[in-house]
Every structure is written in structure tokens, then in C-alpha cells.
């Protein structure tokens, strides 16, 4: 014997019937907070701000990073042959 029951209800009606909490206000608050943080982060993502973050000393910082990558690529871990 096979019995099939179809229930036509909205998700809100099903949640209420099963006694589950309504998390929509929490989701809305979290989404708003995430949007606020994302907007603040995007404002600090200008090319100049990014360069200052990664290379606070400017061009010498970029040269030092290139030297570090070159040493890693060639297997040279000796820091004594750094250019001054």
C-alpha cells in the first residue's frame, strides 16, 4: 500500500507549522553588515592604497621583492650577496 500526501504551503507556513524560528531578520541584519563592510573595503582598494600597503617604502620595496623572487627562483638563499 502506498499513500501520497501533497501539502501546498509557503515556506513561511511550513516553518510556522513545524515550529522553526524565523531567521529572516537575522539574515537581513547580517546582509546589511556585510554590504557595509564590503563597501568600506572597496574604498580602500584604490591602486595607490594597495601599493602603499604592499610597498610602504615605495620603489626600494619593489626592488627588494624582485630580488627575493629572483633568489627563490635560482635557489640562492644566501643573503650575503644582496645588493646594497
C-alpha atoms as a PDB file:
ATOM      1  CA  UNK A   1       0.000   0.000   0.000  1.00  0.00           C
ATOM      2  CA  UNK A   2       1.326   3.412  -0.937  1.00  0.00           C
ATOM      3  CA  UNK A   3      -0.032   6.708   0.358  1.00  0.00           C
ATOM      4  CA  UNK A   4       0.984  10.079  -1.032  1.00  0.00           C
ATOM      5  CA  UNK A   5       0.162  13.359   0.681  1.00  0.00           C
ATOM      6  CA  UNK A   6       0.734  16.652  -1.106  1.00  0.00           C
ATOM      7  CA  UNK A   7       0.829  19.767   1.051  1.00  0.00           C
ATOM      8  CA  UNK A   8       0.563  23.105  -0.686  1.00  0.00           C
ATOM      9  CA  UNK A   9       2.009  25.796   1.556  1.00  0.00           C
ATOM     10  CA  UNK A  10       4.561  28.559   1.516  1.00  0.00           C
ATOM     11  CA  UNK A  11       7.948  28.176   3.209  1.00  0.00           C
ATOM     12  CA  UNK A  12       6.770  30.580   5.924  1.00  0.00           C
ATOM     13  CA  UNK A  13       3.669  28.471   6.592  1.00  0.00           C
ATOM     14  CA  UNK A  14       5.757  25.282   6.748  1.00  0.00           C
ATOM     15  CA  UNK A  15       8.268  26.907   9.115  1.00  0.00           C
ATOM     16  CA  UNK A  16       5.444  28.072  11.410  1.00  0.00           C
ATOM     17  CA  UNK A  17       3.744  24.667  11.326  1.00  0.00           C
ATOM     18  CA  UNK A  18       6.983  22.853  12.226  1.00  0.00           C
ATOM     19  CA  UNK A  19       7.814  25.388  14.964  1.00  0.00           C
ATOM     20  CA  UNK A  20      11.045  26.558  13.348  1.00  0.00           C
ATOM     21  CA  UNK A  21      12.312  30.079  14.089  1.00  0.00           C
ATOM     22  CA  UNK A  22      12.046  32.884  11.581  1.00  0.00           C
ATOM     23  CA  UNK A  23      15.652  33.843  10.808  1.00  0.00           C
ATOM     24  CA  UNK A  24      14.817  36.449   8.148  1.00  0.00           C
ATOM     25  CA  UNK A  25      15.505  39.460  10.448  1.00  0.00           C
ATOM     26  CA  UNK A  26      18.885  37.971  11.389  1.00  0.00           C
ATOM     27  CA  UNK A  27      19.724  37.290   7.731  1.00  0.00           C
ATOM     28  CA  UNK A  28      18.741  40.835   6.767  1.00  0.00           C
ATOM     29  CA  UNK A  29      20.907  42.322   9.548  1.00  0.00           C
ATOM     30  CA  UNK A  30      23.892  40.158   8.563  1.00  0.00           C
ATOM     31  CA  UNK A  31      23.491  41.011   4.875  1.00  0.00           C
ATOM     32  CA  UNK A  32      23.383  44.724   5.658  1.00  0.00           C
ATOM     33  CA  UNK A  33      26.525  44.451   7.817  1.00  0.00           C
ATOM     34  CA  UNK A  34      28.355  42.521   5.081  1.00  0.00           C
ATOM     35  CA  UNK A  35      27.359  45.108   2.480  1.00  0.00           C
ATOM     36  CA  UNK A  36      28.622  47.909   4.734  1.00  0.00           C
ATOM     37  CA  UNK A  37      31.960  46.155   5.273  1.00  0.00           C
ATOM     38  CA  UNK A  38      32.311  45.328   1.568  1.00  0.00           C
ATOM     39  CA  UNK A  39      31.682  48.967   0.624  1.00  0.00           C
ATOM     40  CA  UNK A  40      34.278  50.158   3.161  1.00  0.00           C
ATOM     41  CA  UNK A  41      36.799  47.636   1.859  1.00  0.00           C
ATOM     42  CA  UNK A  42      36.209  48.632  -1.763  1.00  0.00           C
ATOM     43  CA  UNK A  43      37.004  52.252  -0.913  1.00  0.00           C
ATOM     44  CA  UNK A  44      40.414  51.197   0.388  1.00  0.00           C
ATOM     45  CA  UNK A  45      41.176  49.162  -2.749  1.00  0.00           C
ATOM     46  CA  UNK A  46      42.418  52.029  -4.886  1.00  0.00           C
ATOM     47  CA  UNK A  47      45.651  51.245  -6.722  1.00  0.00           C
ATOM     48  CA  UNK A  48      47.558  53.811  -4.668  1.00  0.00           C
ATOM     49  CA  UNK A  49      46.303  52.356  -1.375  1.00  0.00           C
ATOM     50  CA  UNK A  50      47.215  48.840  -2.477  1.00  0.00           C
ATOM     51  CA  UNK A  51      50.726  49.897  -3.472  1.00  0.00           C
ATOM     52  CA  UNK A  52      51.204  51.655  -0.126  1.00  0.00           C
ATOM     53  CA  UNK A  53      50.003  48.537   1.690  1.00  0.00           C
ATOM     54  CA  UNK A  54      52.383  46.162  -0.080  1.00  0.00           C
ATOM     55  CA  UNK A  55      55.298  48.556  -0.581  1.00  0.00           C
ATOM     56  CA  UNK A  56      55.292  51.156   2.210  1.00  0.00           C
ATOM     57  CA  UNK A  57      58.825  52.244   1.316  1.00  0.00           C
ATOM     58  CA  UNK A  58      57.975  52.746  -2.362  1.00  0.00           C
ATOM     59  CA  UNK A  59      60.302  51.666  -5.191  1.00  0.00           C
ATOM     60  CA  UNK A  60      63.033  50.189  -2.963  1.00  0.00           C
ATOM     61  CA  UNK A  61      60.402  47.801  -1.606  1.00  0.00           C
ATOM     62  CA  UNK A  62      59.559  46.631  -5.121  1.00  0.00           C
ATOM     63  CA  UNK A  63      63.250  46.116  -5.927  1.00  0.00           C
ATOM     64  CA  UNK A  64      63.715  44.126  -2.708  1.00  0.00           C
ATOM     65  CA  UNK A  65      60.734  41.939  -3.608  1.00  0.00           C
ATOM     66  CA  UNK A  66      62.129  41.308  -7.113  1.00  0.00           C
ATOM     67  CA  UNK A  67      65.469  40.370  -5.582  1.00  0.00           C
ATOM     68  CA  UNK A  68      63.738  37.983  -3.167  1.00  0.00           C
ATOM     69  CA  UNK A  69      61.780  36.304  -6.007  1.00  0.00           C
ATOM     70  CA  UNK A  70      64.958  36.007  -8.098  1.00  0.00           C
ATOM     71  CA  UNK A  71      66.810  34.396  -5.208  1.00  0.00           C
ATOM     72  CA  UNK A  72      63.972  31.930  -4.667  1.00  0.00           C
ATOM     73  CA  UNK A  73      63.802  31.090  -8.387  1.00  0.00           C
ATOM     74  CA  UNK A  74      67.546  30.461  -8.638  1.00  0.00           C
ATOM     75  CA  UNK A  75      67.723  28.580  -5.345  1.00  0.00           C
ATOM     76  CA  UNK A  76      70.014  31.177  -3.835  1.00  0.00           C
ATOM     77  CA  UNK A  77      69.124  31.517  -0.181  1.00  0.00           C
ATOM     78  CA  UNK A  78      72.370  33.209   0.797  1.00  0.00           C
ATOM     79  CA  UNK A  79      71.534  36.710   1.941  1.00  0.00           C
ATOM     80  CA  UNK A  80      75.168  37.838   1.801  1.00  0.00           C
ATOM     81  CA  UNK A  81      75.036  38.611  -1.960  1.00  0.00           C
ATOM     82  CA  UNK A  82      72.229  41.153  -1.580  1.00  0.00           C
ATOM     83  CA  UNK A  83      72.849  44.372  -3.438  1.00  0.00           C
ATOM     84  CA  UNK A  84      73.142  47.371  -1.217  1.00  0.00           C
END
